[in-house]
PDB file of N, CA and C in Angstrom:
ATOM      1  N   MET A   1     -17.799-119.032-135.168  1.00  0.00           N
ATOM      2  CA  MET A   1     -18.178-117.630-134.400  1.00  0.00           C
ATOM      3  C   MET A   1     -16.800-116.295-134.636  1.00  0.00           C
ATOM      4  N   ALA A   2     -17.674-115.084-134.291  1.00  0.00           N
ATOM      5  CA  ALA A   2     -16.768-114.404-135.089  1.00  0.00           C
ATOM      6  C   ALA A   2     -15.906-113.171-133.900  1.00  0.00           C
ATOM      7  N   LYS A   3     -14.694-112.945-134.553  1.00  0.00           N
ATOM      8  CA  LYS A   3     -13.597-112.699-133.541  1.00  0.00           C
ATOM      9  C   LYS A   3     -13.712-111.090-133.479  1.00  0.00           C
ATOM     10  N   LYS A   4     -13.469-110.588-132.061  1.00  0.00           N
ATOM     11  CA  LYS A   4     -13.380-108.790-131.799  1.00  0.00           C
ATOM     12  C   LYS A   4     -11.941-108.847-132.117  1.00  0.00           C
ATOM     13  N   TYR A   5     -11.638-107.478-132.510  1.00  0.00           N
ATOM     14  CA  TYR A   5     -10.308-106.895-132.148  1.00  0.00           C
ATOM     15  C   TYR A   5     -10.352-105.145-131.932  1.00  0.00           C
ATOM     16  N   ALA A   6      -9.174-104.483-131.121  1.00  0.00           N
ATOM     17  CA  ALA A   6      -9.562-103.116-130.733  1.00  0.00           C
ATOM     18  C   ALA A   6      -7.632-102.718-131.368  1.00  0.00           C
ATOM     19  N   LEU A   7      -7.760-101.654-131.923  1.00  0.00           N
ATOM     20  CA  LEU A   7      -6.443-101.453-132.044  1.00  0.00           C
ATOM     21  C   LEU A   7      -7.039 -99.350-131.894  1.00  0.00           C
ATOM     22  N   LEU A   8      -5.571 -99.014-131.964  1.00  0.00           N
ATOM     23  CA  LEU A   8      -5.144 -97.746-131.564  1.00  0.00           C
ATOM     24  C   LEU A   8      -4.358 -97.358-132.868  1.00  0.00           C
ATOM     25  N   LEU A   9      -4.661 -95.745-132.923  1.00  0.00           N
ATOM     26  CA  LEU A   9      -3.437 -95.067-133.508  1.00  0.00           C
ATOM     27  C   LEU A   9      -3.814 -93.228-133.290  1.00  0.00           C
ATOM     28  N   ASP A  10      -2.979 -92.785-133.625  1.00  0.00           N
ATOM     29  CA  ASP A  10      -2.821 -91.051-133.385  1.00  0.00           C
ATOM     30  C   ASP A  10      -3.098 -90.385-134.659  1.00  0.00           C
ATOM     31  N   LEU A  11      -3.642 -89.570-134.665  1.00  0.00           N
ATOM     32  CA  LEU A  11      -3.674 -88.518-135.357  1.00  0.00           C
ATOM     33  C   LEU A  11      -2.895 -86.994-135.785  1.00  0.00           C
ATOM     34  N   LYS A  12      -2.364 -86.566-135.986  1.00  0.00           N
ATOM     35  CA  LYS A  12      -1.617 -85.094-135.936  1.00  0.00           C
ATOM     36  C   LYS A  12      -2.712 -84.040-135.750  1.00  0.00           C
ATOM     37  N   ASN A  13      -2.058 -83.905-134.661  1.00  0.00           N
ATOM     38  CA  ASN A  13      -2.771 -83.041-133.347  1.00  0.00           C
ATOM     39  C   ASN A  13      -2.962 -81.282-134.231  1.00  0.00           C
ATOM     40  N   ASP A  14      -4.062 -81.346-135.065  1.00  0.00           N
ATOM     41  CA  ASP A  14      -4.241 -80.325-135.618  1.00  0.00           C
ATOM     42  C   ASP A  14      -5.484 -80.584-136.319  1.00  0.00           C
ATOM     43  N   PRO A  15      -6.819 -79.016-135.354  1.00  0.00           N
ATOM     44  CA  PRO A  15      -7.904 -79.615-135.246  1.00  0.00           C
ATOM     45  C   PRO A  15      -8.521 -79.303-137.395  1.00  0.00           C
ATOM     46  N   HIS A  16      -7.411 -78.463-138.256  1.00  0.00           N
ATOM     47  CA  HIS A  16      -8.128 -78.429-139.389  1.00  0.00           C
ATOM     48  C   HIS A  16      -7.688 -79.993-140.078  1.00  0.00           C
ATOM     49  N   LEU A  17      -6.444 -80.676-139.916  1.00  0.00           N
ATOM     50  CA  LEU A  17      -6.161 -82.219-140.344  1.00  0.00           C
ATOM     51  C   LEU A  17      -7.341 -83.091-139.963  1.00  0.00           C
ATOM     52  N   ILE A  18      -7.713 -82.799-138.560  1.00  0.00           N
ATOM     53  CA  ILE A  18      -8.474 -84.039-137.588  1.00  0.00           C
ATOM     54  C   ILE A  18     -10.165 -83.748-138.869  1.00  0.00           C
ATOM     55  N   ALA A  19      -9.957 -82.457-139.111  1.00  0.00           N
ATOM     56  CA  ALA A  19     -11.449 -82.266-139.555  1.00  0.00           C
ATOM     57  C   ALA A  19     -11.415 -82.661-140.942  1.00  0.00           C
ATOM     58  N   GLU A  20     -10.469 -82.593-141.475  1.00  0.00           N
ATOM     59  CA  GLU A  20     -10.486 -83.300-143.171  1.00  0.00           C
ATOM     60  C   GLU A  20     -10.418 -84.556-142.660  1.00  0.00           C
ATOM     61  N   TYR A  21      -9.631 -85.124-141.917  1.00  0.00           N
ATOM     62  CA  TYR A  21      -9.443 -86.847-141.732  1.00  0.00           C
ATOM     63  C   TYR A  21     -11.189 -87.326-141.958  1.00  0.00           C
ATOM     64  N   GLU A  22     -11.852 -86.733-140.777  1.00  0.00           N
ATOM     65  CA  GLU A  22     -13.195 -87.056-140.549  1.00  0.00           C
ATOM     66  C   GLU A  22     -13.731 -87.326-141.432  1.00  0.00           C
ATOM     67  N   LYS A  23     -14.042 -86.132-142.260  1.00  0.00           N
ATOM     68  CA  LYS A  23     -14.566 -85.741-143.470  1.00  0.00           C
ATOM     69  C   LYS A  23     -14.413 -86.695-144.939  1.00  0.00           C
ATOM     70  N   TYR A  24     -13.353 -87.020-145.001  1.00  0.00           N
ATOM     71  CA  TYR A  24     -12.900 -88.456-145.677  1.00  0.00           C
ATOM     72  C   TYR A  24     -13.623 -89.551-145.615  1.00  0.00           C
ATOM     73  N   HIS A  25     -13.803 -90.072-143.815  1.00  0.00           N
ATOM     74  CA  HIS A  25     -14.358 -91.251-143.471  1.00  0.00           C
ATOM     75  C   HIS A  25     -15.747 -90.993-143.404  1.00  0.00           C
ATOM     76  N   GLN A  26     -16.593 -90.141-143.701  1.00  0.00           N
ATOM     77  CA  GLN A  26     -18.531 -90.006-144.088  1.00  0.00           C
ATOM     78  C   GLN A  26     -17.883 -90.320-145.325  1.00  0.00           C
ATOM     79  N   ASN A  27     -17.474 -90.623-146.113  1.00  0.00           N
ATOM     80  CA  ASN A  27     -18.038 -91.353-147.374  1.00  0.00           C
ATOM     81  C   ASN A  27     -16.705 -91.953-148.156  1.00  0.00           C
ATOM     82  N   VAL A  28     -16.718 -93.208-147.341  1.00  0.00           N
ATOM     83  CA  VAL A  28     -15.035 -94.038-147.750  1.00  0.00           C
ATOM     84  C   VAL A  28     -15.474 -94.457-149.299  1.00  0.00           C
ATOM     85  N   PRO A  29     -14.580 -94.076-150.081  1.00  0.00           N
ATOM     86  CA  PRO A  29     -14.537 -94.888-151.707  1.00  0.00           C
ATOM     87  C   PRO A  29     -15.397 -96.529-151.135  1.00  0.00           C
ATOM     88  N   ASP A  30     -15.977 -96.918-152.230  1.00  0.00           N
ATOM     89  CA  ASP A  30     -16.420 -98.085-152.347  1.00  0.00           C
ATOM     90  C   ASP A  30     -15.669 -99.185-152.745  1.00  0.00           C
ATOM     91  N   GLU A  31     -13.899 -98.817-153.266  1.00  0.00           N
ATOM     92  CA  GLU A  31     -13.207 -99.827-153.317  1.00  0.00           C
ATOM     93  C   GLU A  31     -12.314-100.200-151.818  1.00  0.00           C
ATOM     94  N   ILE A  32     -12.495 -99.142-150.973  1.00  0.00           N
ATOM     95  CA  ILE A  32     -11.743 -99.366-149.524  1.00  0.00           C
ATOM     96  C   ILE A  32     -12.791-100.536-149.121  1.00  0.00           C
ATOM     97  N   VAL A  33     -13.975 -99.859-149.191  1.00  0.00           N
ATOM     98  CA  VAL A  33     -15.106-100.800-148.319  1.00  0.00           C
ATOM     99  C   VAL A  33     -15.119-102.404-149.066  1.00  0.00           C
ATOM    100  N   LYS A  34     -14.752-102.462-150.165  1.00  0.00           N
ATOM    101  CA  LYS A  34     -14.900-103.697-150.914  1.00  0.00           C
ATOM    102  C   LYS A  34     -13.533-104.277-150.124  1.00  0.00           C
ATOM    103  N   SER A  35     -12.963-103.897-149.965  1.00  0.00           N
ATOM    104  CA  SER A  35     -11.552-104.529-149.401  1.00  0.00           C
ATOM    105  C   SER A  35     -11.270-104.973-148.454  1.00  0.00           C
ATOM    106  N   ILE A  36     -12.160-104.151-147.433  1.00  0.00           N
ATOM    107  CA  ILE A  36     -11.892-104.042-146.117  1.00  0.00           C
ATOM    108  C   ILE A  36     -13.384-105.709-146.039  1.00  0.00           C
ATOM    109  N   LYS A  37     -14.201-105.714-146.320  1.00  0.00           N
ATOM    110  CA  LYS A  37     -15.225-106.840-146.617  1.00  0.00           C
ATOM    111  C   LYS A  37     -14.793-107.811-147.443  1.00  0.00           C
ATOM    112  N   ASP A  38     -14.302-108.098-148.158  1.00  0.00           N
ATOM    113  CA  ASP A  38     -13.546-109.127-148.654  1.00  0.00           C
ATOM    114  C   ASP A  38     -12.517-109.604-147.795  1.00  0.00           C
ATOM    115  N   SER A  39     -11.561-108.884-147.040  1.00  0.00           N
ATOM    116  CA  SER A  39     -10.654-109.408-146.142  1.00  0.00           C
ATOM    117  C   SER A  39     -11.350-109.922-145.239  1.00  0.00           C
ATOM    118  N   GLY A  40     -12.762-110.262-145.073  1.00  0.00           N
ATOM    119  CA  GLY A  40     -12.812-110.836-143.823  1.00  0.00           C
ATOM    120  C   GLY A  40     -13.766-110.267-142.731  1.00  0.00           C
ATOM    121  N   ILE A  41     -13.706-108.883-143.194  1.00  0.00           N
ATOM    122  CA  ILE A  41     -13.780-107.472-141.902  1.00  0.00           C
ATOM    123  C   ILE A  41     -15.304-107.614-141.917  1.00  0.00           C
ATOM    124  N   ILE A  42     -16.536-108.436-140.902  1.00  0.00           N
ATOM    125  CA  ILE A  42     -17.712-107.704-141.279  1.00  0.00           C
ATOM    126  C   ILE A  42     -18.303-106.232-140.646  1.00  0.00           C
ATOM    127  N   SER A  43     -17.390-105.916-139.355  1.00  0.00           N
ATOM    128  CA  SER A  43     -17.949-104.232-139.278  1.00  0.00           C
ATOM    129  C   SER A  43     -16.564-103.571-138.567  1.00  0.00           C
ATOM    130  N   LEU A  44     -16.657-102.556-138.796  1.00  0.00           N
ATOM    131  CA  LEU A  44     -15.351-101.974-138.544  1.00  0.00           C
ATOM    132  C   LEU A  44     -16.017-100.352-137.921  1.00  0.00           C
ATOM    133  N   ASP A  45     -15.661-100.025-136.535  1.00  0.00           N
ATOM    134  CA  ASP A  45     -15.655 -98.602-136.220  1.00  0.00           C
ATOM    135  C   ASP A  45     -14.848 -98.057-135.730  1.00  0.00           C
ATOM    136  N   ILE A  46     -14.612 -96.991-136.056  1.00  0.00           N
ATOM    137  CA  ILE A  46     -13.658 -95.589-135.705  1.00  0.00           C
ATOM    138  C   ILE A  46     -14.039 -94.749-134.563  1.00  0.00           C
ATOM    139  N   TYR A  47     -13.806 -94.645-133.739  1.00  0.00           N
ATOM    140  CA  TYR A  47     -13.913 -93.695-132.396  1.00  0.00           C
ATOM    141  C   TYR A  47     -12.572 -92.831-132.563  1.00  0.00           C
ATOM    142  N   ARG A  48     -13.199 -91.322-131.885  1.00  0.00           N
ATOM    143  CA  ARG A  48     -12.008 -90.184-131.475  1.00  0.00           C
ATOM    144  C   ARG A  48     -12.123 -89.486-130.238  1.00  0.00           C
ATOM    145  N   TRP A  49     -10.887 -89.205-130.130  1.00  0.00           N
ATOM    146  CA  TRP A  49     -10.889 -88.229-128.501  1.00  0.00           C
ATOM    147  C   TRP A  49      -9.843 -87.729-128.946  1.00  0.00           C
ATOM    148  N   GLU A  50      -9.943 -86.459-129.166  1.00  0.00           N
ATOM    149  CA  GLU A  50      -9.179 -85.788-129.156  1.00  0.00           C
ATOM    150  C   GLU A  50      -8.124 -86.235-130.680  1.00  0.00           C
ATOM    151  N   ASN A  51      -6.850 -86.433-130.550  1.00  0.00           N
ATOM    152  CA  ASN A  51      -6.229 -86.923-131.818  1.00  0.00           C
ATOM    153  C   ASN A  51      -6.254 -88.089-131.728  1.00  0.00           C
ATOM    154  N   ARG A  52      -6.752 -89.100-130.670  1.00  0.00           N
ATOM    155  CA  ARG A  52      -6.295 -90.437-130.812  1.00  0.00           C
ATOM    156  C   ARG A  52      -7.466 -91.504-130.941  1.00  0.00           C
ATOM    157  N   LEU A  53      -7.297 -91.961-131.834  1.00  0.00           N
ATOM    158  CA  LEU A  53      -8.575 -93.143-132.577  1.00  0.00           C
ATOM    159  C   LEU A  53      -8.487 -94.631-131.901  1.00  0.00           C
ATOM    160  N   PHE A  54      -9.249 -94.873-131.873  1.00  0.00           N
ATOM    161  CA  PHE A  54      -9.782 -96.713-131.353  1.00  0.00           C
ATOM    162  C   PHE A  54     -10.828 -96.936-132.293  1.00  0.00           C
ATOM    163  N   MET A  55      -9.891 -98.213-132.954  1.00  0.00           N
ATOM    164  CA  MET A  55     -10.802 -98.600-133.435  1.00  0.00           C
ATOM    165  C   MET A  55     -11.477-100.105-133.528  1.00  0.00           C
ATOM    166  N   THR A  56     -12.444-100.920-133.819  1.00  0.00           N
ATOM    167  CA  THR A  56     -13.167-102.348-133.458  1.00  0.00           C
ATOM    168  C   THR A  56     -13.027-102.497-134.812  1.00  0.00           C
ATOM    169  N   LEU A  57     -12.973-104.160-134.438  1.00  0.00           N
ATOM    170  CA  LEU A  57     -13.169-105.041-135.639  1.00  0.00           C
ATOM    171  C   LEU A  57     -13.979-106.283-135.287  1.00  0.00           C
ATOM    172  N   VAL A  58     -14.707-106.314-136.045  1.00  0.00           N
ATOM    173  CA  VAL A  58     -15.454-107.486-135.681  1.00  0.00           C
ATOM    174  C   VAL A  58     -15.089-108.842-137.252  1.00  0.00           C
ATOM    175  N   THR A  59     -14.525-109.506-136.903  1.00  0.00           N
ATOM    176  CA  THR A  59     -14.181-110.605-137.931  1.00  0.00           C
ATOM    177  C   THR A  59     -14.900-111.776-138.419  1.00  0.00           C
ATOM    178  N   GLU A  60     -14.578-112.427-139.659  1.00  0.00           N
ATOM    179  CA  GLU A  60     -15.152-113.570-139.301  1.00  0.00           C
ATOM    180  C   GLU A  60     -14.079-114.625-138.646  1.00  0.00           C
ATOM    181  N   ASP A  61     -14.520-115.785-138.585  1.00  0.00           N
ATOM    182  CA  ASP A  61     -13.119-116.557-138.018  1.00  0.00           C
ATOM    183  C   ASP A  61     -11.979-116.986-138.704  1.00  0.00           C
ATOM    184  N   ASP A  62     -11.665-116.929-140.003  1.00  0.00           N
ATOM    185  CA  ASP A  62     -10.606-117.473-140.409  1.00  0.00           C
ATOM    186  C   ASP A  62     -10.004-115.870-141.115  1.00  0.00           C
ATOM    187  N   PHE A  63     -10.382-114.960-140.767  1.00  0.00           N
ATOM    188  CA  PHE A  63      -9.579-113.347-140.837  1.00  0.00           C
ATOM    189  C   PHE A  63      -8.154-113.556-140.384  1.00  0.00           C
ATOM    190  N   SER A  64      -7.178-113.035-140.963  1.00  0.00           N
ATOM    191  CA  SER A  64      -5.883-112.709-140.400  1.00  0.00           C
ATOM    192  C   SER A  64      -5.376-111.812-140.977  1.00  0.00           C
ATOM    193  N   PHE A  65      -4.494-111.118-140.339  1.00  0.00           N
ATOM    194  CA  PHE A  65      -4.117-109.596-140.614  1.00  0.00           C
ATOM    195  C   PHE A  65      -3.027-109.335-141.492  1.00  0.00           C
ATOM    196  N   GLU A  66      -1.994-110.555-141.559  1.00  0.00           N
ATOM    197  CA  GLU A  66      -1.254-111.133-142.460  1.00  0.00           C
ATOM    198  C   GLU A  66      -1.955-111.473-143.919  1.00  0.00           C
ATOM    199  N   ARG A  67      -2.990-111.820-144.037  1.00  0.00           N
ATOM    200  CA  ARG A  67      -3.760-112.036-145.274  1.00  0.00           C
ATOM    201  C   ARG A  67      -4.184-110.993-145.907  1.00  0.00           C
ATOM    202  N   LYS A  68      -4.359-109.854-144.712  1.00  0.00           N
ATOM    203  CA  LYS A  68      -5.628-108.723-145.162  1.00  0.00           C
ATOM    204  C   LYS A  68      -4.360-107.740-145.429  1.00  0.00           C
ATOM    205  N   LYS A  69      -2.909-107.638-145.088  1.00  0.00           N
ATOM    206  CA  LYS A  69      -2.044-107.317-145.333  1.00  0.00           C
ATOM    207  C   LYS A  69      -1.051-107.012-146.867  1.00  0.00           C
ATOM    208  N   GLN A  70      -1.652-108.641-146.950  1.00  0.00           N
ATOM    209  CA  GLN A  70      -1.124-109.308-148.315  1.00  0.00           C
ATOM    210  C   GLN A  70      -2.129-108.506-149.574  1.00  0.00           C
ATOM    211  N   MET A  71      -3.560-108.715-148.972  1.00  0.00           N
ATOM    212  CA  MET A  71      -4.601-108.211-150.042  1.00  0.00           C
ATOM    213  C   MET A  71      -4.504-106.233-149.590  1.00  0.00           C
ATOM    214  N   ASP A  72      -4.212-105.769-149.142  1.00  0.00           N
ATOM    215  CA  ASP A  72      -3.939-104.555-149.196  1.00  0.00           C
ATOM    216  C   ASP A  72      -2.865-104.236-149.877  1.00  0.00           C
ATOM    217  N   GLU A  73      -1.706-104.468-150.067  1.00  0.00           N
ATOM    218  CA  GLU A  73      -0.246-104.649-150.588  1.00  0.00           C
ATOM    219  C   GLU A  73      -0.302-104.775-152.345  1.00  0.00           C
ATOM    220  N   ALA A  74      -1.224-105.704-152.304  1.00  0.00           N
ATOM    221  CA  ALA A  74      -1.625-106.095-154.257  1.00  0.00           C
ATOM    222  C   ALA A  74      -2.749-105.044-155.149  1.00  0.00           C
ATOM    223  N   ASN A  75      -3.476-103.979-153.799  1.00  0.00           N
ATOM    224  CA  ASN A  75      -4.468-103.170-154.144  1.00  0.00           C
ATOM    225  C   ASN A  75      -4.393-101.793-154.271  1.00  0.00           C
ATOM    226  N   PRO A  76      -4.118-101.447-155.559  1.00  0.00           N
ATOM    227  CA  PRO A  76      -3.923 -99.723-155.868  1.00  0.00           C
ATOM    228  C   PRO A  76      -4.640 -98.894-154.914  1.00  0.00           C
ATOM    229  N   HIS A  77      -5.932 -98.750-154.812  1.00  0.00           N
ATOM    230  CA  HIS A  77      -7.053 -98.617-154.286  1.00  0.00           C
ATOM    231  C   HIS A  77      -6.422 -98.165-152.576  1.00  0.00           C
ATOM    232  N   VAL A  78      -6.140 -98.853-152.605  1.00  0.00           N
ATOM    233  CA  VAL A  78      -5.979 -99.579-151.124  1.00  0.00           C
ATOM    234  C   VAL A  78      -4.493 -98.664-150.593  1.00  0.00           C
ATOM    235  N   LEU A  79      -3.433 -98.644-151.408  1.00  0.00           N
ATOM    236  CA  LEU A  79      -2.164 -98.169-151.511  1.00  0.00           C
ATOM    237  C   LEU A  79      -2.399 -96.787-151.293  1.00  0.00           C
ATOM    238  N   ARG A  80      -3.171 -96.319-152.351  1.00  0.00           N
ATOM    239  CA  ARG A  80      -3.616 -94.659-152.411  1.00  0.00           C
ATOM    240  C   ARG A  80      -4.043 -94.402-150.907  1.00  0.00           C
ATOM    241  N   TRP A  81      -5.559 -95.091-150.792  1.00  0.00           N
ATOM    242  CA  TRP A  81      -6.057 -94.385-149.370  1.00  0.00           C
ATOM    243  C   TRP A  81      -4.927 -94.432-148.102  1.00  0.00           C
ATOM    244  N   GLU A  82      -4.323 -95.636-148.086  1.00  0.00           N
ATOM    245  CA  GLU A  82      -3.242 -95.437-146.979  1.00  0.00           C
ATOM    246  C   GLU A  82      -2.325 -94.339-147.157  1.00  0.00           C
ATOM    247  N   GLU A  83      -2.113 -94.173-148.831  1.00  0.00           N
ATOM    248  CA  GLU A  83      -0.630 -93.267-148.509  1.00  0.00           C
ATOM    249  C   GLU A  83      -1.438 -91.582-148.551  1.00  0.00           C
ATOM    250  N   LEU A  84      -3.069 -91.642-148.236  1.00  0.00           N
ATOM    251  CA  LEU A  84      -3.644 -90.127-148.002  1.00  0.00           C
ATOM    252  C   LEU A  84      -3.504 -90.401-146.942  1.00  0.00           C
ATOM    253  N   MET A  85      -4.340 -91.141-146.335  1.00  0.00           N
ATOM    254  CA  MET A  85      -4.568 -91.229-144.874  1.00  0.00           C
ATOM    255  C   MET A  85      -3.151 -90.692-143.869  1.00  0.00           C
ATOM    256  N   TRP A  86      -2.768 -91.498-144.390  1.00  0.00           N
ATOM    257  CA  TRP A  86      -0.422 -91.096-143.750  1.00  0.00           C
ATOM    258  C   TRP A  86      -0.380 -90.025-143.701  1.00  0.00           C
ATOM    259  N   ASN A  87      -1.316 -88.580-144.170  1.00  0.00           N
ATOM    260  CA  ASN A  87      -0.758 -87.357-144.033  1.00  0.00           C
ATOM    261  C   ASN A  87      -1.500 -86.732-142.686  1.00  0.00           C
ATOM    262  N   TYR A  88      -2.715 -87.594-142.308  1.00  0.00           N
ATOM    263  CA  TYR A  88      -3.224 -87.227-141.132  1.00  0.00           C
ATOM    264  C   TYR A  88      -3.055 -87.613-139.992  1.00  0.00           C
ATOM    265  N   GLN A  89      -2.654 -89.431-140.283  1.00  0.00           N
ATOM    266  CA  GLN A  89      -1.855 -89.874-139.137  1.00  0.00           C
ATOM    267  C   GLN A  89      -0.636 -89.844-138.320  1.00  0.00           C
ATOM    268  N   GLN A  90      -0.324 -90.290-137.342  1.00  0.00           N
ATOM    269  CA  GLN A  90       1.122 -90.594-136.751  1.00  0.00           C
ATOM    270  C   GLN A  90       1.005 -91.619-135.844  1.00  0.00           C
ATOM    271  N   ALA A  91       2.296 -92.435-136.028  1.00  0.00           N
ATOM    272  CA  ALA A  91       2.555 -93.751-134.843  1.00  0.00           C
ATOM    273  C   ALA A  91       2.237 -93.021-133.469  1.00  0.00           C
ATOM    274  N   LEU A  92       1.722 -94.107-132.796  1.00  0.00           N
ATOM    275  CA  LEU A  92       2.024 -93.923-131.350  1.00  0.00           C
ATOM    276  C   LEU A  92       3.236 -93.641-130.781  1.00  0.00           C
ATOM    277  N   PRO A  93       3.268 -93.212-129.521  1.00  0.00           N
ATOM    278  CA  PRO A  93       4.523 -93.507-129.195  1.00  0.00           C
ATOM    279  C   PRO A  93       5.118 -94.637-128.882  1.00  0.00           C
ATOM    280  N   GLY A  94       6.110 -94.648-128.975  1.00  0.00           N
ATOM    281  CA  GLY A  94       7.265 -95.768-128.774  1.00  0.00           C
ATOM    282  C   GLY A  94       7.325 -96.984-130.142  1.00  0.00           C
ATOM    283  N   VAL A  95       6.240 -96.763-131.161  1.00  0.00           N
ATOM    284  CA  VAL A  95       6.066 -97.545-132.362  1.00  0.00           C
ATOM    285  C   VAL A  95       7.071 -96.969-133.119  1.00  0.00           C
ATOM    286  N   GLU A  96       7.597 -98.402-134.004  1.00  0.00           N
ATOM    287  CA  GLU A  96       8.339 -98.484-135.004  1.00  0.00           C
ATOM    288  C   GLU A  96       7.938 -96.981-135.576  1.00  0.00           C
ATOM    289  N   THR A  97       8.856 -96.464-136.832  1.00  0.00           N
ATOM    290  CA  THR A  97       8.588 -96.117-137.639  1.00  0.00           C
ATOM    291  C   THR A  97       7.676 -96.555-138.965  1.00  0.00           C
ATOM    292  N   GLY A  98       6.900 -95.529-139.049  1.00  0.00           N
ATOM    293  CA  GLY A  98       6.104 -96.377-140.484  1.00  0.00           C
ATOM    294  C   GLY A  98       4.996 -97.281-139.846  1.00  0.00           C
ATOM    295  N   GLU A  99       4.864 -97.618-138.817  1.00  0.00           N
ATOM    296  CA  GLU A  99       3.722 -98.888-138.283  1.00  0.00           C
ATOM    297  C   GLU A  99       2.676 -97.786-137.642  1.00  0.00           C
ATOM    298  N   LYS A 100       1.328 -98.522-138.093  1.00  0.00           N
ATOM    299  CA  LYS A 100       0.268 -97.386-138.266  1.00  0.00           C
ATOM    300  C   LYS A 100      -0.764 -97.895-136.994  1.00  0.00           C
ATOM    301  N   TRP A 101      -1.569 -98.869-137.352  1.00  0.00           N
ATOM    302  CA  TRP A 101      -2.747 -98.942-136.245  1.00  0.00           C
ATOM    303  C   TRP A 101      -2.051 -99.808-135.200  1.00  0.00           C
ATOM    304  N   GLN A 102      -2.197 -99.914-134.331  1.00  0.00           N
ATOM    305  CA  GLN A 102      -1.396-100.966-132.949  1.00  0.00           C
ATOM    306  C   GLN A 102      -2.851-101.575-132.370  1.00  0.00           C
ATOM    307  N   LEU A 103      -2.479-102.916-132.777  1.00  0.00           N
ATOM    308  CA  LEU A 103      -3.641-104.136-131.465  1.00  0.00           C
ATOM    309  C   LEU A 103      -3.437-103.835-130.390  1.00  0.00           C
ATOM    310  N   MET A 104      -4.661-104.070-129.535  1.00  0.00           N
ATOM    311  CA  MET A 104      -4.600-103.823-128.562  1.00  0.00           C
ATOM    312  C   MET A 104      -5.032-105.128-127.528  1.00  0.00           C
ATOM    313  N   GLN A 105      -4.575-105.265-126.634  1.00  0.00           N
ATOM    314  CA  GLN A 105      -4.846-106.745-125.820  1.00  0.00           C
ATOM    315  C   GLN A 105      -5.825-106.627-124.461  1.00  0.00           C
ATOM    316  N   ARG A 106      -6.895-107.543-124.982  1.00  0.00           N
ATOM    317  CA  ARG A 106      -7.864-107.183-123.897  1.00  0.00           C
ATOM    318  C   ARG A 106      -7.303-107.855-122.842  1.00  0.00           C
ATOM    319  N   ILE A 107      -7.706-106.997-121.603  1.00  0.00           N
ATOM    320  CA  ILE A 107      -7.387-107.551-120.231  1.00  0.00           C
ATOM    321  C   ILE A 107      -8.658-107.971-119.810  1.00  0.00           C
ATOM    322  N   CYS A 108      -9.671-107.436-120.063  1.00  0.00           N
ATOM    323  CA  CYS A 108     -11.584-107.860-119.525  1.00  0.00           C
ATOM    324  C   CYS A 108     -12.317-108.099-120.485  1.00  0.00           C
ATOM    325  N   GLU A 109     -13.362-109.391-120.415  1.00  0.00           N
ATOM    326  CA  GLU A 109     -14.571-109.218-120.913  1.00  0.00           C
ATOM    327  C   GLU A 109     -15.533-109.873-120.093  1.00  0.00           C
ATOM    328  N   LEU A 110     -16.644-109.141-120.001  1.00  0.00           N
ATOM    329  CA  LEU A 110     -17.320-109.361-119.026  1.00  0.00           C
ATOM    330  C   LEU A 110     -18.637-109.946-120.157  1.00  0.00           C
TER     331      LEU A 110
END
């Protein structure tokens, strides 16, 4: 059975940067898509409201954020992509410096 996750992150509140960020995500490089799929993520969706991003993941049963982090740290394509994306992103209020996507806690499922 697949697992589902929801995560949040903010973009810098600049319409030009937000537009650039969205443009990058209209054509995500093949190497990045491959790394996502190889980590056990079945589907990934990102939604935006103003400068706040909401991401959903559907993953294989054995998916782990720790393993994905290890895979990402060993992949130069992902490291470059993450560095580029950080030009547009900013941490949520109250989050440690440099932390990105924050895992949300499910409080209701119908």
